[in-house]
Each structure stands twice: as structure tokens, then as C-alpha cells.
């Protein structure tokens, strides 16, 4: 008989917690715990350094935690990722000296920082540029518009649509041709600018 309270077993592989359902809930809890420890540090730090310095610390401490393995766990459901997003927003508001009710969209634009969904878009875009094995060309059309277009596999279930094999080609197809044709080493900065200027995020694909 199915037991709703059955404990989900997980294993830590290359720093990411995986379970049999691939929902990444335990890994999100792990990341959330690491981020919570940073809140007090930023509260103290903002009293003694300027915004430019504290943003450098944010990139080093916060974004390094968020982006590690994000190409995998960052494609989880919004419900699963909500805890991490809330803590990230709290840290950014501390940096900006804003209260808890300050609009989320405005805060990231003002700080020139990426939300979790934008960070996920960045790592997926870089992944697609770097790894040729994931670039299955779309041969369904011979029109000029189909050049540099990738085949997006049919995924009928919501869970399978949260996979790099589905999200990756969709994001790649939205990228401008000039960006796709650049070598990976030269595209990293351009990808970041493209995402920021066009407000690209995983949840909008």
C-alpha cells in the first residue's frame, strides 16, 4: 500500500542532493540553510562597506552558492524553489537598505543583480553554448529562419518539461544568432548582458 509519509531517500552526488523523484527538495533545503547563515553577515557588512564592495561579496558568497549545480536543480518547480528565492530577495534588500515590502522586480533591477530564475537562464544558456552534444538541429524546415534552431523534444508532462533537454533548446532558440556563433569563452559576458537587457528567465520560457 502506498504510504504518504514514506521518507524520501537521497544521495549527494558532486555536491547536489538527488532523490528518486528528482524534485531536489532536499538540495533546496541545503542551499537555503547556507544562505540563511549569510543574512546576519550582510546585515553587519553593510554598516562598514559601500555598495560596490558588498556586491562583490554577494557575488562571491551568495551567487557562488546559488549557481553551483543550478543547471540541474534550478529547473525544479517554482513551489520547490520558493524558499531559496525568498532568502535571496531578503539578502538583496539588505544590500539596498530596503524593507521587506520593497517590490521584488525593482530591487533586482536597482541592484543590477540576477534573480534565481535569471541565474538559471544564464547557466543553461552557457551550457547550451558550451556543449555540442545537446545541439540537435531542427531539420523540419529548410527555411532561412530555421538556421541555428534546435529541435525541442515533445514533453507531455510538466515534470519532464523541467529538464535541460527541453528547457535548453527553448532558451537557445531565443538567443540572437550573433551570440550563438561566438566561442564559449567570448560569449559568457554577452549572455549575461542579453539576459539582463531582455529580462530573460527560466520561468518565462
N, C-alpha and C. Protein backbone atom coordinates (compact mmCIF):
# COMPACT_ATOMS: atom_id res chain seq x y z
N UNK A 1 0.85 -1.19 0.00
CA UNK A 1 0.00 0.00 0.00
C UNK A 1 0.89 1.25 0.00
N UNK A 2 0.46 2.26 -0.69
CA UNK A 2 1.25 3.49 -0.78
C UNK A 2 1.16 4.27 0.52
N UNK A 3 2.29 4.70 0.99
CA UNK A 3 2.35 5.46 2.25
C UNK A 3 2.77 6.89 1.96
N UNK A 4 1.92 7.84 2.30
CA UNK A 4 2.20 9.25 2.01
C UNK A 4 3.36 9.78 2.84
N UNK A 5 3.57 9.18 4.01
CA UNK A 5 4.61 9.67 4.89
C UNK A 5 5.95 8.94 4.70
N UNK A 6 6.05 8.19 3.64
CA UNK A 6 7.28 7.45 3.38
C UNK A 6 8.43 8.42 3.18
N UNK A 7 9.53 8.15 3.88
CA UNK A 7 10.70 9.02 3.81
C UNK A 7 11.37 8.91 2.45
N UNK A 8 11.69 10.07 1.87
CA UNK A 8 12.36 10.11 0.58
C UNK A 8 13.86 10.00 0.80
N UNK A 9 14.46 8.98 0.24
CA UNK A 9 15.90 8.79 0.38
C UNK A 9 16.62 9.57 -0.71
N UNK A 10 17.76 10.12 -0.34
CA UNK A 10 18.52 10.91 -1.31
C UNK A 10 20.00 10.59 -1.16
N UNK A 11 20.75 10.96 -2.18
CA UNK A 11 22.19 10.75 -2.18
C UNK A 11 22.84 12.04 -2.69
N UNK A 12 23.98 12.38 -2.12
CA UNK A 12 24.70 13.58 -2.53
C UNK A 12 25.73 13.20 -3.57
N UNK A 13 25.56 13.73 -4.77
CA UNK A 13 26.46 13.41 -5.87
C UNK A 13 27.02 14.70 -6.45
N UNK A 14 28.33 14.85 -6.39
CA UNK A 14 29.00 16.05 -6.88
C UNK A 14 28.42 17.32 -6.26
N UNK A 15 28.06 17.23 -4.99
CA UNK A 15 27.57 18.40 -4.26
C UNK A 15 26.09 18.68 -4.40
N UNK A 16 25.35 17.85 -5.12
CA UNK A 16 23.91 18.05 -5.32
C UNK A 16 23.16 16.84 -4.76
N UNK A 17 22.14 17.11 -3.94
CA UNK A 17 21.33 16.04 -3.38
C UNK A 17 20.30 15.57 -4.41
N UNK A 18 20.32 14.28 -4.69
CA UNK A 18 19.40 13.68 -5.65
C UNK A 18 18.52 12.66 -4.94
N UNK A 19 17.25 12.59 -5.32
CA UNK A 19 16.35 11.56 -4.79
C UNK A 19 15.66 10.85 -5.93
N UNK A 20 14.86 9.83 -5.60
CA UNK A 20 14.25 9.01 -6.64
C UNK A 20 13.20 9.76 -7.45
N UNK A 21 12.72 10.89 -6.92
CA UNK A 21 11.69 11.66 -7.64
C UNK A 21 12.28 12.85 -8.40
N UNK A 22 13.56 13.11 -8.19
CA UNK A 22 14.26 14.23 -8.85
C UNK A 22 13.51 15.55 -8.67
N UNK A 23 13.02 15.80 -7.46
CA UNK A 23 12.37 17.08 -7.20
C UNK A 23 13.29 18.08 -6.50
N UNK A 24 14.45 17.62 -6.05
CA UNK A 24 15.51 18.45 -5.50
C UNK A 24 15.10 19.21 -4.23
N UNK A 25 14.10 18.72 -3.54
CA UNK A 25 13.63 19.39 -2.33
C UNK A 25 14.72 19.42 -1.25
N UNK A 26 15.41 18.30 -1.06
CA UNK A 26 16.46 18.27 -0.04
C UNK A 26 17.61 19.18 -0.41
N UNK A 27 17.95 19.26 -1.69
CA UNK A 27 19.04 20.15 -2.08
C UNK A 27 18.64 21.60 -1.88
N UNK A 28 17.38 21.93 -2.15
CA UNK A 28 16.90 23.30 -1.92
C UNK A 28 16.98 23.63 -0.43
N UNK A 29 16.63 22.69 0.43
CA UNK A 29 16.76 22.90 1.87
C UNK A 29 18.22 23.13 2.25
N UNK A 30 19.11 22.37 1.63
CA UNK A 30 20.55 22.50 1.89
C UNK A 30 21.05 23.89 1.47
N UNK A 31 20.66 24.34 0.29
CA UNK A 31 21.07 25.67 -0.19
C UNK A 31 20.46 26.76 0.68
N UNK A 32 19.19 26.59 1.05
CA UNK A 32 18.52 27.58 1.89
C UNK A 32 19.23 27.75 3.22
N UNK A 33 19.68 26.63 3.79
CA UNK A 33 20.39 26.68 5.06
C UNK A 33 21.70 27.47 4.95
N UNK A 34 22.41 27.29 3.85
CA UNK A 34 23.66 28.00 3.65
C UNK A 34 23.41 29.50 3.45
N UNK A 35 22.32 29.83 2.75
CA UNK A 35 22.01 31.24 2.51
C UNK A 35 21.53 31.95 3.77
N UNK A 36 20.77 31.25 4.61
CA UNK A 36 20.28 31.87 5.86
C UNK A 36 21.44 32.33 6.73
N UNK A 37 22.53 31.57 6.71
CA UNK A 37 23.69 31.93 7.52
C UNK A 37 24.35 33.22 7.04
N UNK A 38 24.06 33.61 5.79
CA UNK A 38 24.68 34.81 5.23
C UNK A 38 23.91 36.08 5.57
N UNK A 39 22.65 35.95 5.98
CA UNK A 39 21.82 37.13 6.23
C UNK A 39 22.45 38.02 7.30
N UNK A 40 22.82 37.45 8.42
CA UNK A 40 23.43 38.25 9.50
C UNK A 40 24.74 38.88 9.05
N UNK A 41 25.52 38.15 8.26
CA UNK A 41 26.80 38.67 7.79
C UNK A 41 26.60 39.91 6.93
N UNK A 42 25.57 39.89 6.07
CA UNK A 42 25.31 41.05 5.22
C UNK A 42 24.74 42.22 6.03
N UNK A 43 23.98 41.92 7.07
CA UNK A 43 23.47 42.98 7.95
C UNK A 43 24.62 43.73 8.62
N UNK A 44 25.65 42.99 9.00
CA UNK A 44 26.82 43.61 9.62
C UNK A 44 27.70 44.29 8.58
N UNK A 45 27.85 43.64 7.45
CA UNK A 45 28.77 44.13 6.43
C UNK A 45 28.32 45.46 5.83
N UNK A 46 27.01 45.63 5.67
CA UNK A 46 26.53 46.86 5.02
C UNK A 46 26.78 48.10 5.88
N UNK A 47 27.11 47.90 7.14
CA UNK A 47 27.38 49.03 8.02
C UNK A 47 28.80 49.58 7.85
N UNK A 48 29.67 48.81 7.22
CA UNK A 48 31.08 49.21 7.19
C UNK A 48 31.68 49.31 5.79
N UNK A 49 30.95 48.86 4.76
CA UNK A 49 31.49 48.94 3.39
C UNK A 49 30.47 49.59 2.47
N UNK A 50 30.90 50.05 1.31
CA UNK A 50 29.99 50.67 0.36
C UNK A 50 29.28 49.60 -0.47
N UNK A 51 28.34 50.04 -1.30
CA UNK A 51 27.53 49.09 -2.06
C UNK A 51 28.36 48.31 -3.07
N UNK A 52 29.34 48.95 -3.69
CA UNK A 52 30.16 48.24 -4.66
C UNK A 52 30.89 47.07 -4.01
N UNK A 53 31.42 47.28 -2.84
CA UNK A 53 32.14 46.22 -2.14
C UNK A 53 31.21 45.10 -1.69
N UNK A 54 30.06 45.48 -1.16
CA UNK A 54 29.13 44.46 -0.66
C UNK A 54 28.57 43.63 -1.82
N UNK A 55 28.47 44.23 -3.00
CA UNK A 55 28.02 43.46 -4.16
C UNK A 55 29.09 42.45 -4.59
N UNK A 56 30.33 42.83 -4.46
CA UNK A 56 31.42 41.90 -4.76
C UNK A 56 31.36 40.71 -3.81
N UNK A 57 31.08 40.99 -2.55
CA UNK A 57 30.94 39.91 -1.56
C UNK A 57 29.71 39.06 -1.89
N UNK A 58 28.64 39.71 -2.33
CA UNK A 58 27.42 38.98 -2.72
C UNK A 58 27.71 38.00 -3.85
N UNK A 59 28.44 38.45 -4.86
CA UNK A 59 28.78 37.56 -5.97
C UNK A 59 29.64 36.38 -5.49
N UNK A 60 30.54 36.67 -4.57
CA UNK A 60 31.45 35.62 -4.10
C UNK A 60 30.77 34.62 -3.19
N UNK A 61 29.92 35.09 -2.28
CA UNK A 61 29.32 34.22 -1.28
C UNK A 61 27.94 33.69 -1.69
N UNK A 62 27.08 34.59 -2.12
CA UNK A 62 25.69 34.20 -2.39
C UNK A 62 25.54 33.54 -3.75
N UNK A 63 25.99 34.21 -4.79
CA UNK A 63 25.80 33.66 -6.14
C UNK A 63 26.62 32.39 -6.36
N UNK A 64 27.74 32.27 -5.68
CA UNK A 64 28.52 31.03 -5.81
C UNK A 64 27.75 29.84 -5.26
N UNK A 65 26.98 30.07 -4.20
CA UNK A 65 26.13 29.00 -3.63
C UNK A 65 24.96 28.71 -4.55
N UNK A 66 24.35 29.77 -5.08
CA UNK A 66 23.17 29.62 -5.92
C UNK A 66 23.48 28.94 -7.26
N UNK A 67 24.59 29.27 -7.84
CA UNK A 67 24.86 28.79 -9.21
C UNK A 67 25.48 27.40 -9.25
N UNK A 68 25.98 26.89 -8.12
CA UNK A 68 26.60 25.57 -8.15
C UNK A 68 25.54 24.49 -8.40
N UNK A 69 25.66 23.81 -9.51
CA UNK A 69 24.69 22.77 -9.86
C UNK A 69 23.34 23.31 -10.29
N UNK A 70 23.25 24.62 -10.49
CA UNK A 70 21.96 25.24 -10.81
C UNK A 70 21.39 24.77 -12.13
N UNK A 71 22.26 24.37 -13.05
CA UNK A 71 21.80 23.86 -14.34
C UNK A 71 20.93 22.62 -14.16
N UNK A 72 21.05 21.96 -13.00
CA UNK A 72 20.25 20.78 -12.68
C UNK A 72 19.08 21.14 -11.77
N UNK A 73 19.38 21.58 -10.54
CA UNK A 73 18.31 21.81 -9.57
C UNK A 73 17.55 23.11 -9.80
N UNK A 74 18.11 24.01 -10.59
CA UNK A 74 17.43 25.28 -10.88
C UNK A 74 16.24 25.13 -11.78
N UNK A 75 16.05 23.93 -12.38
CA UNK A 75 14.90 23.69 -13.25
C UNK A 75 13.77 23.01 -12.49
N UNK A 76 13.86 22.95 -11.16
CA UNK A 76 12.78 22.39 -10.34
C UNK A 76 11.57 23.31 -10.37
N UNK A 77 10.47 22.87 -9.79
CA UNK A 77 9.23 23.65 -9.82
C UNK A 77 9.38 24.93 -9.01
N UNK A 78 8.57 25.94 -9.32
CA UNK A 78 8.62 27.21 -8.59
C UNK A 78 8.27 27.00 -7.12
N UNK A 79 7.38 26.06 -6.86
CA UNK A 79 7.00 25.78 -5.47
C UNK A 79 8.20 25.28 -4.68
N UNK A 80 9.00 24.41 -5.30
CA UNK A 80 10.18 23.87 -4.64
C UNK A 80 11.24 24.95 -4.42
N UNK A 81 11.39 25.85 -5.37
CA UNK A 81 12.44 26.86 -5.32
C UNK A 81 12.06 28.09 -4.50
N UNK A 82 10.82 28.17 -4.06
CA UNK A 82 10.32 29.38 -3.41
C UNK A 82 11.15 29.79 -2.20
N UNK A 83 11.55 28.81 -1.37
CA UNK A 83 12.32 29.12 -0.16
C UNK A 83 13.63 29.82 -0.50
N UNK A 84 14.33 29.30 -1.50
CA UNK A 84 15.60 29.91 -1.90
C UNK A 84 15.36 31.32 -2.44
N UNK A 85 14.32 31.50 -3.23
CA UNK A 85 14.03 32.81 -3.81
C UNK A 85 13.72 33.83 -2.73
N UNK A 86 12.99 33.43 -1.70
CA UNK A 86 12.65 34.34 -0.61
C UNK A 86 13.91 34.80 0.12
N UNK A 87 14.81 33.87 0.40
CA UNK A 87 16.04 34.22 1.12
C UNK A 87 16.94 35.09 0.25
N UNK A 88 17.02 34.79 -1.03
CA UNK A 88 17.83 35.61 -1.93
C UNK A 88 17.30 37.04 -1.97
N UNK A 89 15.98 37.19 -2.07
CA UNK A 89 15.39 38.54 -2.08
C UNK A 89 15.68 39.28 -0.79
N UNK A 90 15.65 38.56 0.33
CA UNK A 90 15.93 39.20 1.62
C UNK A 90 17.36 39.73 1.67
N UNK A 91 18.30 38.97 1.15
CA UNK A 91 19.70 39.41 1.15
C UNK A 91 19.89 40.63 0.26
N UNK A 92 19.25 40.63 -0.92
CA UNK A 92 19.38 41.77 -1.83
C UNK A 92 18.77 43.03 -1.20
N UNK A 93 17.66 42.88 -0.51
CA UNK A 93 17.03 44.03 0.16
C UNK A 93 17.93 44.58 1.27
N UNK A 94 18.64 43.69 1.94
CA UNK A 94 19.60 44.14 2.96
C UNK A 94 20.69 44.99 2.31
N UNK A 95 21.19 44.54 1.16
CA UNK A 95 22.23 45.27 0.44
C UNK A 95 21.74 46.67 0.04
N UNK A 96 20.47 46.74 -0.35
CA UNK A 96 19.90 48.01 -0.82
C UNK A 96 19.31 48.87 0.30
N UNK A 97 19.35 48.39 1.56
CA UNK A 97 18.74 49.08 2.69
C UNK A 97 17.24 49.28 2.47
N UNK A 98 16.58 48.26 1.94
CA UNK A 98 15.15 48.33 1.68
C UNK A 98 14.38 47.45 2.68
N UNK A 99 13.10 47.81 2.88
CA UNK A 99 12.29 47.00 3.79
C UNK A 99 11.74 45.78 3.07
N UNK A 100 11.07 44.91 3.82
CA UNK A 100 10.60 43.63 3.30
C UNK A 100 9.56 43.78 2.20
N UNK A 101 8.83 44.90 2.16
CA UNK A 101 7.76 45.09 1.19
C UNK A 101 8.22 45.76 -0.10
N UNK A 102 9.49 46.02 -0.21
CA UNK A 102 10.00 46.66 -1.42
C UNK A 102 9.80 45.72 -2.61
N UNK A 103 9.28 46.24 -3.75
CA UNK A 103 8.96 45.37 -4.91
C UNK A 103 10.14 44.54 -5.39
N UNK A 104 9.90 43.26 -5.60
CA UNK A 104 10.95 42.33 -5.98
C UNK A 104 11.57 42.68 -7.33
N UNK A 105 10.73 42.95 -8.34
CA UNK A 105 11.24 43.24 -9.68
C UNK A 105 12.14 44.47 -9.67
N UNK A 106 11.74 45.46 -8.91
CA UNK A 106 12.51 46.70 -8.86
C UNK A 106 13.84 46.49 -8.16
N UNK A 107 13.85 45.67 -7.12
CA UNK A 107 15.07 45.52 -6.33
C UNK A 107 16.21 44.91 -7.13
N UNK A 108 15.91 43.91 -7.95
CA UNK A 108 16.98 43.28 -8.74
C UNK A 108 17.48 44.22 -9.83
N UNK A 109 16.58 45.00 -10.42
CA UNK A 109 16.99 45.96 -11.44
C UNK A 109 17.86 47.05 -10.82
N UNK A 110 17.43 47.53 -9.66
CA UNK A 110 18.18 48.59 -8.98
C UNK A 110 19.57 48.12 -8.55
N UNK A 111 19.66 46.88 -8.11
CA UNK A 111 20.94 46.34 -7.66
C UNK A 111 21.79 45.81 -8.81
N UNK A 112 21.21 45.73 -10.01
CA UNK A 112 21.89 45.14 -11.17
C UNK A 112 22.34 43.71 -10.87
N UNK A 113 21.44 42.96 -10.25
CA UNK A 113 21.71 41.57 -9.91
C UNK A 113 20.64 40.69 -10.53
N UNK A 114 20.94 39.41 -10.66
CA UNK A 114 20.01 38.45 -11.24
C UNK A 114 19.19 37.76 -10.16
N UNK A 115 17.91 37.56 -10.46
CA UNK A 115 17.08 36.71 -9.60
C UNK A 115 17.50 35.26 -9.82
N UNK A 116 16.97 34.35 -9.03
CA UNK A 116 17.31 32.94 -9.18
C UNK A 116 16.91 32.43 -10.56
N UNK A 117 15.74 32.86 -11.06
CA UNK A 117 15.27 32.42 -12.37
C UNK A 117 16.17 32.95 -13.49
N UNK A 118 16.70 34.14 -13.32
CA UNK A 118 17.62 34.70 -14.31
C UNK A 118 18.98 34.01 -14.24
N UNK A 119 19.42 33.70 -13.03
CA UNK A 119 20.68 32.95 -12.88
C UNK A 119 20.57 31.59 -13.55
N UNK A 120 19.39 30.95 -13.39
CA UNK A 120 19.17 29.65 -14.02
C UNK A 120 19.23 29.78 -15.54
N UNK A 121 18.64 30.85 -16.07
CA UNK A 121 18.69 31.08 -17.52
C UNK A 121 20.14 31.28 -17.97
N UNK A 122 20.93 31.96 -17.17
CA UNK A 122 22.32 32.21 -17.53
C UNK A 122 23.13 30.92 -17.59
N UNK A 123 23.00 30.06 -16.59
CA UNK A 123 23.79 28.82 -16.58
C UNK A 123 23.33 27.86 -17.67
N UNK A 124 22.02 27.85 -17.97
CA UNK A 124 21.51 26.98 -19.04
C UNK A 124 22.00 27.49 -20.39
N UNK A 125 21.96 28.80 -20.60
CA UNK A 125 22.42 29.38 -21.87
C UNK A 125 23.90 29.07 -22.09
N UNK A 126 24.71 29.22 -21.06
CA UNK A 126 26.14 28.92 -21.18
C UNK A 126 26.35 27.42 -21.44
N UNK A 127 25.55 26.61 -20.80
CA UNK A 127 25.63 25.16 -21.00
C UNK A 127 25.36 24.80 -22.45
N UNK A 128 24.34 25.42 -23.04
CA UNK A 128 23.96 25.12 -24.42
C UNK A 128 25.02 25.60 -25.42
N UNK A 129 25.67 26.71 -25.11
CA UNK A 129 26.73 27.20 -25.99
C UNK A 129 27.96 26.30 -25.91
N UNK A 130 28.25 25.80 -24.72
CA UNK A 130 29.49 25.06 -24.48
C UNK A 130 29.44 23.63 -24.99
N UNK A 131 28.30 22.94 -24.79
CA UNK A 131 28.26 21.51 -25.07
C UNK A 131 27.53 21.20 -26.38
N UNK A 132 28.26 20.74 -27.36
CA UNK A 132 27.74 20.48 -28.69
C UNK A 132 26.76 19.30 -28.72
N UNK A 133 26.90 18.35 -27.81
CA UNK A 133 26.06 17.14 -27.84
C UNK A 133 24.59 17.43 -27.61
N UNK A 134 24.29 18.60 -27.04
CA UNK A 134 22.90 18.95 -26.76
C UNK A 134 22.28 19.77 -27.89
N UNK A 135 23.03 19.98 -28.96
CA UNK A 135 22.54 20.80 -30.06
C UNK A 135 22.05 19.91 -31.20
N UNK A 136 20.83 19.44 -31.10
CA UNK A 136 20.21 18.64 -32.16
C UNK A 136 19.50 19.59 -33.11
N UNK A 137 20.04 19.74 -34.30
CA UNK A 137 19.50 20.72 -35.24
C UNK A 137 18.09 20.36 -35.69
N UNK A 138 17.26 21.39 -35.82
CA UNK A 138 15.89 21.20 -36.28
C UNK A 138 15.89 21.07 -37.80
N UNK A 139 15.61 19.87 -38.30
CA UNK A 139 15.62 19.62 -39.75
C UNK A 139 14.21 19.58 -40.34
N UNK A 140 13.23 20.05 -39.55
CA UNK A 140 11.85 20.00 -40.01
C UNK A 140 11.56 21.08 -41.05
N UNK A 141 12.42 22.08 -41.14
CA UNK A 141 12.21 23.16 -42.09
C UNK A 141 13.53 23.54 -42.72
N UNK A 142 13.47 23.92 -44.00
CA UNK A 142 14.67 24.31 -44.72
C UNK A 142 14.73 25.82 -44.94
N UNK A 143 13.81 26.54 -44.29
CA UNK A 143 13.81 27.98 -44.46
C UNK A 143 15.00 28.60 -43.73
N UNK A 144 15.33 29.80 -44.14
CA UNK A 144 16.45 30.52 -43.53
C UNK A 144 16.23 30.72 -42.05
N UNK A 145 14.98 30.91 -41.63
CA UNK A 145 14.70 31.15 -40.22
C UNK A 145 15.06 29.95 -39.35
N UNK A 146 15.15 28.79 -39.94
CA UNK A 146 15.43 27.58 -39.17
C UNK A 146 16.91 27.38 -38.89
N UNK A 147 17.76 28.22 -39.51
CA UNK A 147 19.19 28.11 -39.28
C UNK A 147 19.49 28.44 -37.81
N UNK A 148 20.35 27.66 -37.20
CA UNK A 148 20.69 27.83 -35.78
C UNK A 148 19.52 27.57 -34.85
N UNK A 149 18.52 26.86 -35.33
CA UNK A 149 17.40 26.47 -34.49
C UNK A 149 17.60 25.04 -34.03
N UNK A 150 17.28 24.77 -32.78
CA UNK A 150 17.42 23.43 -32.24
C UNK A 150 16.06 22.75 -32.12
N UNK A 151 16.07 21.46 -32.20
CA UNK A 151 14.84 20.68 -32.06
C UNK A 151 14.45 20.62 -30.60
N UNK A 152 13.22 21.02 -30.31
CA UNK A 152 12.69 20.93 -28.95
C UNK A 152 11.88 19.64 -28.84
N UNK A 153 12.31 18.69 -28.03
CA UNK A 153 11.59 17.41 -27.94
C UNK A 153 10.20 17.59 -27.35
N UNK A 154 9.31 16.71 -27.71
CA UNK A 154 7.96 16.76 -27.17
C UNK A 154 7.94 16.19 -25.76
N UNK A 155 7.53 17.00 -24.82
CA UNK A 155 7.42 16.58 -23.43
C UNK A 155 5.98 16.82 -22.99
N UNK A 156 5.24 15.76 -22.71
CA UNK A 156 3.82 15.89 -22.41
C UNK A 156 3.54 16.10 -20.92
N UNK A 157 4.53 15.91 -20.08
CA UNK A 157 4.31 16.05 -18.65
C UNK A 157 5.09 17.25 -18.11
N UNK A 158 4.50 17.93 -17.14
CA UNK A 158 5.11 19.13 -16.58
C UNK A 158 6.48 18.82 -15.99
N UNK A 159 6.62 17.69 -15.34
CA UNK A 159 7.89 17.33 -14.71
C UNK A 159 9.01 17.17 -15.75
N UNK A 160 8.68 16.54 -16.89
CA UNK A 160 9.69 16.33 -17.92
C UNK A 160 10.04 17.64 -18.64
N UNK A 161 9.15 18.63 -18.57
CA UNK A 161 9.43 19.93 -19.17
C UNK A 161 10.41 20.75 -18.33
N UNK A 162 10.74 20.24 -17.16
CA UNK A 162 11.72 20.90 -16.30
C UNK A 162 13.09 20.24 -16.44
N UNK A 163 13.42 19.82 -17.64
CA UNK A 163 14.68 19.12 -17.88
C UNK A 163 15.50 19.91 -18.88
N UNK A 164 16.82 19.81 -18.77
CA UNK A 164 17.71 20.55 -19.65
C UNK A 164 17.49 20.19 -21.12
N UNK A 165 17.06 18.95 -21.40
CA UNK A 165 16.82 18.54 -22.78
C UNK A 165 15.65 19.29 -23.41
N UNK A 166 14.75 19.80 -22.56
CA UNK A 166 13.60 20.57 -23.05
C UNK A 166 13.83 22.08 -22.92
N UNK A 167 14.25 22.50 -21.73
CA UNK A 167 14.46 23.92 -21.47
C UNK A 167 15.64 24.46 -22.29
N UNK A 168 16.70 23.66 -22.40
CA UNK A 168 17.90 24.12 -23.11
C UNK A 168 17.64 24.57 -24.54
N UNK A 169 17.05 23.71 -25.39
CA UNK A 169 16.77 24.13 -26.77
C UNK A 169 15.82 25.32 -26.86
N UNK A 170 14.83 25.40 -25.96
CA UNK A 170 13.89 26.52 -25.99
C UNK A 170 14.62 27.83 -25.73
N UNK A 171 15.51 27.82 -24.76
CA UNK A 171 16.26 29.03 -24.45
C UNK A 171 17.25 29.35 -25.57
N UNK A 172 17.90 28.33 -26.10
CA UNK A 172 18.87 28.52 -27.18
C UNK A 172 18.21 29.16 -28.39
N UNK A 173 17.00 28.74 -28.72
CA UNK A 173 16.29 29.27 -29.88
C UNK A 173 15.91 30.74 -29.73
N UNK A 174 15.85 31.22 -28.48
CA UNK A 174 15.52 32.62 -28.24
C UNK A 174 16.74 33.52 -28.35
N UNK A 175 17.92 32.92 -28.31
CA UNK A 175 19.14 33.71 -28.34
C UNK A 175 19.41 34.28 -29.72
N UNK A 176 19.97 35.48 -29.81
CA UNK A 176 20.31 36.07 -31.11
C UNK A 176 21.42 35.27 -31.79
N UNK A 177 21.40 35.26 -33.12
CA UNK A 177 22.36 34.46 -33.89
C UNK A 177 23.81 34.85 -33.60
N UNK A 178 24.07 36.13 -33.44
CA UNK A 178 25.43 36.57 -33.18
C UNK A 178 25.98 35.99 -31.88
N UNK A 179 25.09 35.80 -30.92
CA UNK A 179 25.51 35.24 -29.64
C UNK A 179 25.77 33.74 -29.75
N UNK A 180 24.96 33.06 -30.54
CA UNK A 180 25.14 31.61 -30.73
C UNK A 180 26.44 31.27 -31.43
N UNK A 181 26.86 32.14 -32.32
CA UNK A 181 28.03 31.85 -33.13
C UNK A 181 29.36 32.22 -32.48
N UNK A 182 29.29 32.85 -31.32
CA UNK A 182 30.53 33.22 -30.63
C UNK A 182 31.12 32.02 -29.89
N UNK A 183 32.43 31.94 -29.77
CA UNK A 183 33.06 30.88 -28.96
C UNK A 183 32.61 31.03 -27.51
N UNK A 184 32.60 29.93 -26.78
CA UNK A 184 32.12 29.95 -25.40
C UNK A 184 32.88 30.97 -24.55
N UNK A 185 34.18 31.06 -24.73
CA UNK A 185 34.99 31.96 -23.92
C UNK A 185 34.61 33.43 -24.12
N UNK A 186 34.09 33.75 -25.30
CA UNK A 186 33.72 35.12 -25.61
C UNK A 186 32.22 35.40 -25.42
N UNK A 187 31.45 34.36 -25.18
CA UNK A 187 30.00 34.54 -25.08
C UNK A 187 29.51 34.71 -23.65
N UNK A 188 30.34 34.40 -22.66
CA UNK A 188 29.88 34.42 -21.27
C UNK A 188 29.36 35.78 -20.84
N UNK A 189 30.12 36.82 -21.13
CA UNK A 189 29.71 38.18 -20.76
C UNK A 189 28.52 38.62 -21.59
N UNK A 190 28.52 38.27 -22.88
CA UNK A 190 27.42 38.65 -23.77
C UNK A 190 26.10 38.01 -23.34
N UNK A 191 26.17 36.77 -22.88
CA UNK A 191 24.97 36.08 -22.40
C UNK A 191 24.38 36.83 -21.21
N UNK A 192 25.23 37.24 -20.30
CA UNK A 192 24.77 37.97 -19.12
C UNK A 192 24.07 39.27 -19.51
N UNK A 193 24.65 40.00 -20.46
CA UNK A 193 24.05 41.26 -20.93
C UNK A 193 22.72 41.01 -21.61
N UNK A 194 22.64 39.95 -22.42
CA UNK A 194 21.41 39.62 -23.14
C UNK A 194 20.28 39.29 -22.16
N UNK A 195 20.59 38.54 -21.14
CA UNK A 195 19.58 38.17 -20.14
C UNK A 195 19.11 39.39 -19.38
N UNK A 196 20.04 40.25 -18.99
CA UNK A 196 19.66 41.44 -18.21
C UNK A 196 18.86 42.42 -19.05
N UNK A 197 19.31 42.69 -20.27
CA UNK A 197 18.64 43.68 -21.14
C UNK A 197 17.24 43.22 -21.56
N UNK A 198 17.04 41.90 -21.71
CA UNK A 198 15.76 41.38 -22.19
C UNK A 198 14.93 40.71 -21.09
N UNK A 199 15.43 40.80 -19.86
CA UNK A 199 14.73 40.22 -18.71
C UNK A 199 14.36 38.76 -18.97
N UNK A 200 15.34 37.98 -19.39
CA UNK A 200 15.13 36.56 -19.68
C UNK A 200 15.20 35.76 -18.39
N UNK A 201 14.25 34.86 -18.19
CA UNK A 201 14.28 33.98 -17.02
C UNK A 201 13.67 32.64 -17.38
N UNK A 202 14.05 31.61 -16.63
CA UNK A 202 13.59 30.25 -16.92
C UNK A 202 12.08 30.13 -16.82
N UNK A 203 11.47 30.79 -15.86
CA UNK A 203 10.03 30.64 -15.67
C UNK A 203 9.20 31.31 -16.77
N UNK A 204 9.85 32.05 -17.66
CA UNK A 204 9.12 32.71 -18.75
C UNK A 204 9.23 31.98 -20.08
N UNK A 205 9.92 30.85 -20.09
CA UNK A 205 10.07 30.10 -21.34
C UNK A 205 8.82 29.29 -21.63
